[in-house]
Amino acid sequence: MNQYKLLNIILVCIIFSCNSKKPEKEKSLIQKTQFKTKLNKYNPISICDCNDDGINTLRKILNIREGFQTFQLYEKDKQSVNSIESLKKDWTLIRNNCLKKFATTLLIPSDCNQPKKIEALRNKLDELKISTS
């Protein structure tokens, strides 16, 4: 009988230890890793995906950079510099994969493809000394 009680206690301990929640820091790291993995396998379904993802990424870069009056102030904020560098890598991945998949079709404007808008965002970033080439 004592053996059954001991076995039950051990079993309960194992069950609770396996169900314990992961710390927030570990969850955050896992989510970042999953996000990076997702981006490294970026596979747009349509030109619309390329357009939307490209514009959103360029806007994020522009929003960060426009938060600083000068390039020197921007350079002093390492967190912003790192964020923009990461977003620029995402932009490069989006651009390269879209060019491989859709080639010159990306240059033809349509309802969901706005190459002029992308060009305007990139020109604005160039004026602010942020290269997206």
N, C-alpha and C. Protein backbone atom coordinates (compact mmCIF):
# COMPACT_ATOMS: atom_id res chain seq x y z
N MET A 1 0.82 -1.20 0.00
CA MET A 1 0.00 0.00 0.00
C MET A 1 0.86 1.26 0.00
N ASN A 2 1.94 1.26 0.79
CA ASN A 2 2.85 2.39 0.84
C ASN A 2 3.53 2.61 -0.50
N GLN A 3 3.76 1.51 -1.21
CA GLN A 3 4.38 1.63 -2.52
C GLN A 3 3.46 2.36 -3.50
N TYR A 4 2.17 2.10 -3.40
CA TYR A 4 1.20 2.78 -4.28
C TYR A 4 1.13 4.28 -3.97
N LYS A 5 1.18 4.62 -2.70
CA LYS A 5 1.16 6.03 -2.30
C LYS A 5 2.41 6.73 -2.82
N LEU A 6 3.54 6.09 -2.66
CA LEU A 6 4.80 6.66 -3.13
C LEU A 6 4.79 6.80 -4.66
N LEU A 7 4.30 5.79 -5.33
CA LEU A 7 4.20 5.83 -6.78
C LEU A 7 3.26 6.95 -7.24
N ASN A 8 2.14 7.11 -6.57
CA ASN A 8 1.19 8.20 -6.90
C ASN A 8 1.81 9.57 -6.69
N ILE A 9 2.54 9.73 -5.62
CA ILE A 9 3.19 11.02 -5.33
C ILE A 9 4.22 11.33 -6.42
N ILE A 10 5.01 10.36 -6.78
CA ILE A 10 6.02 10.56 -7.83
C ILE A 10 5.35 10.89 -9.16
N LEU A 11 4.29 10.19 -9.47
CA LEU A 11 3.55 10.43 -10.71
C LEU A 11 2.98 11.84 -10.75
N VAL A 12 2.41 12.29 -9.65
CA VAL A 12 1.84 13.64 -9.58
C VAL A 12 2.94 14.68 -9.75
N CYS A 13 4.08 14.48 -9.12
CA CYS A 13 5.21 15.41 -9.25
C CYS A 13 5.68 15.50 -10.70
N ILE A 14 5.77 14.37 -11.37
CA ILE A 14 6.20 14.36 -12.77
C ILE A 14 5.21 15.10 -13.64
N ILE A 15 3.94 14.86 -13.42
CA ILE A 15 2.91 15.53 -14.23
C ILE A 15 2.99 17.04 -14.06
N PHE A 16 3.09 17.51 -12.81
CA PHE A 16 3.13 18.96 -12.58
C PHE A 16 4.42 19.58 -13.09
N SER A 17 5.52 18.87 -13.00
CA SER A 17 6.77 19.44 -13.50
C SER A 17 6.77 19.54 -15.02
N CYS A 18 6.10 18.64 -15.69
CA CYS A 18 6.03 18.68 -17.16
C CYS A 18 5.08 19.76 -17.64
N ASN A 19 4.11 20.13 -16.86
CA ASN A 19 3.12 21.12 -17.25
C ASN A 19 3.49 22.53 -16.84
N SER A 20 4.63 22.73 -16.21
CA SER A 20 4.98 24.07 -15.76
C SER A 20 5.15 24.99 -16.97
N LYS A 21 4.76 26.25 -16.78
CA LYS A 21 4.82 27.22 -17.88
C LYS A 21 6.26 27.67 -18.09
N LYS A 22 6.58 28.00 -19.35
CA LYS A 22 7.90 28.49 -19.67
C LYS A 22 8.00 29.95 -19.25
N PRO A 23 9.16 30.38 -18.78
CA PRO A 23 9.33 31.77 -18.40
C PRO A 23 9.12 32.69 -19.62
N GLU A 24 8.71 33.93 -19.35
CA GLU A 24 8.42 34.89 -20.42
C GLU A 24 9.64 35.13 -21.31
N LYS A 25 10.81 35.20 -20.71
CA LYS A 25 12.02 35.45 -21.49
C LYS A 25 12.25 34.33 -22.51
N GLU A 26 12.03 33.10 -22.07
CA GLU A 26 12.20 31.96 -22.98
C GLU A 26 11.14 31.99 -24.07
N LYS A 27 9.90 32.34 -23.73
CA LYS A 27 8.84 32.44 -24.73
C LYS A 27 9.20 33.49 -25.78
N SER A 28 9.71 34.62 -25.32
CA SER A 28 10.07 35.70 -26.23
C SER A 28 11.15 35.25 -27.20
N LEU A 29 12.14 34.54 -26.68
CA LEU A 29 13.23 34.04 -27.52
C LEU A 29 12.71 33.06 -28.55
N ILE A 30 11.79 32.18 -28.13
CA ILE A 30 11.22 31.21 -29.06
C ILE A 30 10.44 31.93 -30.15
N GLN A 31 9.65 32.94 -29.78
CA GLN A 31 8.87 33.68 -30.78
C GLN A 31 9.79 34.39 -31.77
N LYS A 32 10.88 34.99 -31.28
CA LYS A 32 11.81 35.66 -32.19
C LYS A 32 12.44 34.66 -33.15
N THR A 33 12.79 33.50 -32.63
CA THR A 33 13.39 32.47 -33.47
C THR A 33 12.40 32.00 -34.53
N GLN A 34 11.16 31.80 -34.13
CA GLN A 34 10.15 31.37 -35.09
C GLN A 34 9.95 32.44 -36.15
N PHE A 35 9.96 33.72 -35.74
CA PHE A 35 9.79 34.82 -36.69
C PHE A 35 10.94 34.82 -37.69
N LYS A 36 12.16 34.69 -37.21
CA LYS A 36 13.31 34.69 -38.11
C LYS A 36 13.24 33.50 -39.07
N THR A 37 12.87 32.36 -38.54
CA THR A 37 12.75 31.19 -39.40
C THR A 37 11.72 31.43 -40.48
N LYS A 38 10.62 32.05 -40.09
CA LYS A 38 9.56 32.35 -41.05
C LYS A 38 10.08 33.29 -42.14
N LEU A 39 10.83 34.33 -41.72
CA LEU A 39 11.34 35.28 -42.70
C LEU A 39 12.38 34.64 -43.61
N ASN A 40 13.21 33.78 -43.07
CA ASN A 40 14.22 33.13 -43.90
C ASN A 40 13.60 32.24 -44.96
N LYS A 41 12.35 31.87 -44.75
CA LYS A 41 11.65 31.03 -45.72
C LYS A 41 10.57 31.84 -46.41
N TYR A 42 10.75 33.14 -46.52
CA TYR A 42 9.73 34.00 -47.11
C TYR A 42 9.37 33.51 -48.50
N ASN A 43 8.11 33.21 -48.68
CA ASN A 43 7.65 32.69 -49.96
C ASN A 43 6.31 33.36 -50.30
N PRO A 44 6.36 34.48 -51.00
CA PRO A 44 5.12 35.19 -51.33
C PRO A 44 4.25 34.38 -52.28
N ILE A 45 2.95 34.47 -52.07
CA ILE A 45 2.01 33.76 -52.92
C ILE A 45 1.68 34.57 -54.16
N SER A 46 1.63 35.89 -53.98
CA SER A 46 1.26 36.75 -55.11
C SER A 46 2.08 38.03 -55.09
N ILE A 47 1.97 38.78 -56.16
CA ILE A 47 2.63 40.08 -56.23
C ILE A 47 2.08 41.00 -55.14
N CYS A 48 0.82 40.81 -54.81
CA CYS A 48 0.20 41.61 -53.75
C CYS A 48 0.94 41.42 -52.43
N ASP A 49 1.34 40.20 -52.13
CA ASP A 49 2.11 39.93 -50.91
C ASP A 49 3.44 40.69 -50.94
N CYS A 50 4.09 40.63 -52.07
CA CYS A 50 5.37 41.33 -52.21
C CYS A 50 5.19 42.83 -51.99
N ASN A 51 4.19 43.38 -52.63
CA ASN A 51 3.92 44.81 -52.51
C ASN A 51 3.61 45.19 -51.06
N ASP A 52 2.68 44.49 -50.45
CA ASP A 52 2.26 44.82 -49.08
C ASP A 52 3.41 44.65 -48.08
N ASP A 53 4.11 43.53 -48.17
CA ASP A 53 5.21 43.28 -47.24
C ASP A 53 6.35 44.26 -47.45
N GLY A 54 6.65 44.56 -48.70
CA GLY A 54 7.71 45.52 -49.00
C GLY A 54 7.37 46.91 -48.48
N ILE A 55 6.18 47.39 -48.77
CA ILE A 55 5.76 48.72 -48.33
C ILE A 55 5.73 48.79 -46.80
N ASN A 56 5.18 47.77 -46.16
CA ASN A 56 5.12 47.78 -44.69
C ASN A 56 6.51 47.82 -44.07
N THR A 57 7.42 47.07 -44.62
CA THR A 57 8.79 47.05 -44.09
C THR A 57 9.47 48.39 -44.30
N LEU A 58 9.34 48.96 -45.49
CA LEU A 58 9.95 50.27 -45.76
C LEU A 58 9.33 51.36 -44.89
N ARG A 59 8.04 51.29 -44.65
CA ARG A 59 7.37 52.27 -43.76
C ARG A 59 7.89 52.17 -42.34
N LYS A 60 8.10 50.95 -41.88
CA LYS A 60 8.64 50.77 -40.53
C LYS A 60 10.02 51.41 -40.41
N ILE A 61 10.84 51.20 -41.43
CA ILE A 61 12.18 51.80 -41.44
C ILE A 61 12.05 53.32 -41.42
N LEU A 62 11.20 53.85 -42.28
CA LEU A 62 11.01 55.29 -42.38
C LEU A 62 10.49 55.88 -41.07
N ASN A 63 9.55 55.21 -40.43
CA ASN A 63 9.00 55.71 -39.16
C ASN A 63 10.08 55.81 -38.08
N ILE A 64 10.95 54.81 -38.03
CA ILE A 64 12.03 54.86 -37.04
C ILE A 64 12.97 56.02 -37.35
N ARG A 65 13.38 56.12 -38.61
CA ARG A 65 14.36 57.16 -38.99
C ARG A 65 13.79 58.56 -38.83
N GLU A 66 12.51 58.75 -39.14
CA GLU A 66 11.90 60.07 -39.01
C GLU A 66 11.74 60.50 -37.56
N GLY A 67 11.98 59.61 -36.64
CA GLY A 67 11.94 59.96 -35.22
C GLY A 67 13.15 60.76 -34.77
N PHE A 68 14.09 60.97 -35.68
CA PHE A 68 15.31 61.70 -35.35
C PHE A 68 15.47 62.87 -36.31
N GLN A 69 15.82 64.03 -35.77
CA GLN A 69 15.96 65.22 -36.61
C GLN A 69 17.19 65.16 -37.50
N THR A 70 18.24 64.51 -37.02
CA THR A 70 19.47 64.42 -37.82
C THR A 70 19.96 62.98 -37.86
N PHE A 71 20.81 62.71 -38.84
CA PHE A 71 21.39 61.38 -38.97
C PHE A 71 22.31 61.09 -37.78
N GLN A 72 22.97 62.12 -37.27
CA GLN A 72 23.88 61.94 -36.14
C GLN A 72 23.10 61.51 -34.88
N LEU A 73 21.95 62.10 -34.66
CA LEU A 73 21.12 61.70 -33.51
C LEU A 73 20.64 60.26 -33.67
N TYR A 74 20.28 59.92 -34.89
CA TYR A 74 19.85 58.54 -35.18
C TYR A 74 20.98 57.56 -34.88
N GLU A 75 22.19 57.89 -35.33
CA GLU A 75 23.34 56.99 -35.15
C GLU A 75 23.66 56.74 -33.67
N LYS A 76 23.35 57.69 -32.83
CA LYS A 76 23.64 57.55 -31.39
C LYS A 76 22.67 56.60 -30.70
N ASP A 77 21.53 56.35 -31.31
CA ASP A 77 20.53 55.45 -30.71
C ASP A 77 20.74 54.04 -31.26
N LYS A 78 21.50 53.26 -30.53
CA LYS A 78 21.88 51.92 -31.01
C LYS A 78 20.67 51.01 -31.21
N GLN A 79 19.65 51.16 -30.39
CA GLN A 79 18.47 50.31 -30.54
C GLN A 79 17.78 50.59 -31.88
N SER A 80 17.68 51.85 -32.25
CA SER A 80 17.07 52.21 -33.53
C SER A 80 17.94 51.74 -34.69
N VAL A 81 19.23 51.90 -34.56
CA VAL A 81 20.15 51.45 -35.61
C VAL A 81 20.00 49.94 -35.81
N ASN A 82 19.95 49.19 -34.71
CA ASN A 82 19.80 47.74 -34.80
C ASN A 82 18.45 47.35 -35.40
N SER A 83 17.40 48.07 -35.01
CA SER A 83 16.06 47.79 -35.56
C SER A 83 16.04 48.01 -37.06
N ILE A 84 16.62 49.11 -37.50
CA ILE A 84 16.63 49.41 -38.94
C ILE A 84 17.49 48.40 -39.68
N GLU A 85 18.60 48.00 -39.12
CA GLU A 85 19.45 47.00 -39.78
C GLU A 85 18.68 45.68 -39.95
N SER A 86 17.94 45.29 -38.94
CA SER A 86 17.14 44.07 -39.02
C SER A 86 16.04 44.21 -40.08
N LEU A 87 15.38 45.35 -40.09
CA LEU A 87 14.33 45.59 -41.09
C LEU A 87 14.92 45.65 -42.51
N LYS A 88 16.11 46.19 -42.65
CA LYS A 88 16.75 46.23 -43.97
C LYS A 88 17.05 44.82 -44.47
N LYS A 89 17.43 43.92 -43.56
CA LYS A 89 17.65 42.53 -43.95
C LYS A 89 16.33 41.90 -44.40
N ASP A 90 15.26 42.22 -43.66
CA ASP A 90 13.94 41.71 -44.06
C ASP A 90 13.56 42.24 -45.44
N TRP A 91 13.80 43.53 -45.68
CA TRP A 91 13.50 44.14 -46.97
C TRP A 91 14.28 43.44 -48.08
N THR A 92 15.56 43.19 -47.85
CA THR A 92 16.39 42.53 -48.86
C THR A 92 15.86 41.13 -49.16
N LEU A 93 15.47 40.41 -48.12
CA LEU A 93 14.91 39.08 -48.32
C LEU A 93 13.61 39.14 -49.12
N ILE A 94 12.73 40.07 -48.77
CA ILE A 94 11.46 40.24 -49.49
C ILE A 94 11.75 40.58 -50.95
N ARG A 95 12.59 41.58 -51.15
CA ARG A 95 12.91 42.03 -52.52
C ARG A 95 13.50 40.90 -53.36
N ASN A 96 14.48 40.21 -52.82
CA ASN A 96 15.15 39.15 -53.58
C ASN A 96 14.21 37.99 -53.92
N ASN A 97 13.44 37.56 -52.93
CA ASN A 97 12.53 36.44 -53.19
C ASN A 97 11.42 36.82 -54.16
N CYS A 98 10.95 38.05 -54.07
CA CYS A 98 9.91 38.50 -54.99
C CYS A 98 10.46 38.64 -56.41
N LEU A 99 11.68 39.15 -56.52
CA LEU A 99 12.28 39.27 -57.86
C LEU A 99 12.51 37.89 -58.48
N LYS A 100 12.93 36.94 -57.68
CA LYS A 100 13.13 35.58 -58.20
C LYS A 100 11.82 34.97 -58.67
N LYS A 101 10.77 35.21 -57.91
CA LYS A 101 9.51 34.55 -58.21
C LYS A 101 8.71 35.26 -59.30
N PHE A 102 8.70 36.60 -59.29
CA PHE A 102 7.82 37.34 -60.20
C PHE A 102 8.55 38.17 -61.24
N ALA A 103 9.84 38.30 -61.11
CA ALA A 103 10.70 39.01 -62.07
C ALA A 103 10.13 40.37 -62.48
N THR A 104 10.09 40.63 -63.76
CA THR A 104 9.71 41.96 -64.26
C THR A 104 8.24 42.30 -64.06
N THR A 105 7.43 41.33 -63.70
CA THR A 105 6.01 41.60 -63.42
C THR A 105 5.88 42.58 -62.26
N LEU A 106 6.89 42.61 -61.39
CA LEU A 106 6.87 43.54 -60.26
C LEU A 106 6.93 45.01 -60.71
N LEU A 107 7.37 45.26 -61.91
CA LEU A 107 7.49 46.63 -62.40
C LEU A 107 6.20 47.14 -63.03
N ILE A 108 5.23 46.27 -63.20
CA ILE A 108 3.96 46.66 -63.83
C ILE A 108 2.95 47.04 -62.75
N PRO A 109 2.53 48.31 -62.72
CA PRO A 109 1.56 48.73 -61.70
C PRO A 109 0.22 48.02 -61.88
N SER A 110 -0.42 47.75 -60.76
CA SER A 110 -1.76 47.14 -60.77
C SER A 110 -2.47 47.57 -59.49
N ASP A 111 -3.67 47.02 -59.29
CA ASP A 111 -4.43 47.37 -58.09
C ASP A 111 -3.66 47.08 -56.80
N CYS A 112 -2.93 46.00 -56.80
CA CYS A 112 -2.21 45.64 -55.57
C CYS A 112 -0.70 45.69 -55.73
N ASN A 113 -0.22 46.26 -56.79
CA ASN A 113 1.22 46.40 -56.99
C ASN A 113 1.53 47.85 -57.30
N GLN A 114 2.27 48.49 -56.41
CA GLN A 114 2.55 49.92 -56.54
C GLN A 114 4.05 50.18 -56.55
N PRO A 115 4.71 49.90 -57.67
CA PRO A 115 6.16 50.09 -57.70
C PRO A 115 6.58 51.55 -57.49
N LYS A 116 5.74 52.48 -57.90
CA LYS A 116 6.07 53.91 -57.70
C LYS A 116 6.07 54.26 -56.21
N LYS A 117 5.17 53.67 -55.46
CA LYS A 117 5.10 53.93 -54.02
C LYS A 117 6.36 53.37 -53.33
N ILE A 118 6.77 52.19 -53.74
CA ILE A 118 7.99 51.59 -53.19
C ILE A 118 9.19 52.46 -53.55
N GLU A 119 9.23 52.91 -54.79
CA GLU A 119 10.32 53.78 -55.22
C GLU A 119 10.35 55.08 -54.41
N ALA A 120 9.18 55.66 -54.16
CA ALA A 120 9.11 56.90 -53.39
C ALA A 120 9.60 56.69 -51.95
N LEU A 121 9.21 55.58 -51.35
CA LEU A 121 9.68 55.28 -49.99
C LEU A 121 11.19 55.10 -49.96
N ARG A 122 11.71 54.39 -50.92
CA ARG A 122 13.16 54.17 -50.98
C ARG A 122 13.91 55.47 -51.22
N ASN A 123 13.37 56.35 -52.08
CA ASN A 123 14.00 57.65 -52.32
C ASN A 123 14.01 58.49 -51.05
N LYS A 124 12.91 58.46 -50.32
CA LYS A 124 12.83 59.21 -49.06
C LYS A 124 13.86 58.69 -48.07
N LEU A 125 14.00 57.38 -48.00
CA LEU A 125 15.01 56.79 -47.11
C LEU A 125 16.42 57.17 -47.56
N ASP A 126 16.65 57.19 -48.85
CA ASP A 126 17.96 57.62 -49.36
C ASP A 126 18.27 59.05 -48.94
N GLU A 127 17.26 59.93 -49.04
CA GLU A 127 17.44 61.33 -48.60
C GLU A 127 17.81 61.41 -47.12
N LEU A 128 17.32 60.45 -46.35
CA LEU A 128 17.60 60.42 -44.91
C LEU A 128 18.85 59.57 -44.58
N LYS A 129 19.62 59.25 -45.62
CA LYS A 129 20.88 58.50 -45.51
C LYS A 129 20.70 57.06 -45.04
N ILE A 130 19.56 56.47 -45.40
CA ILE A 130 19.32 55.06 -45.12
C ILE A 130 19.25 54.35 -46.46
N SER A 131 20.24 53.53 -46.75
CA SER A 131 20.30 52.82 -48.02
C SER A 131 19.55 51.51 -47.95
N THR A 132 18.69 51.27 -48.92
CA THR A 132 17.94 50.02 -48.99
C THR A 132 18.34 49.22 -50.23
N SER A 133 19.49 49.52 -50.79
CA SER A 133 19.95 48.81 -51.99
C SER A 133 20.72 47.57 -51.62
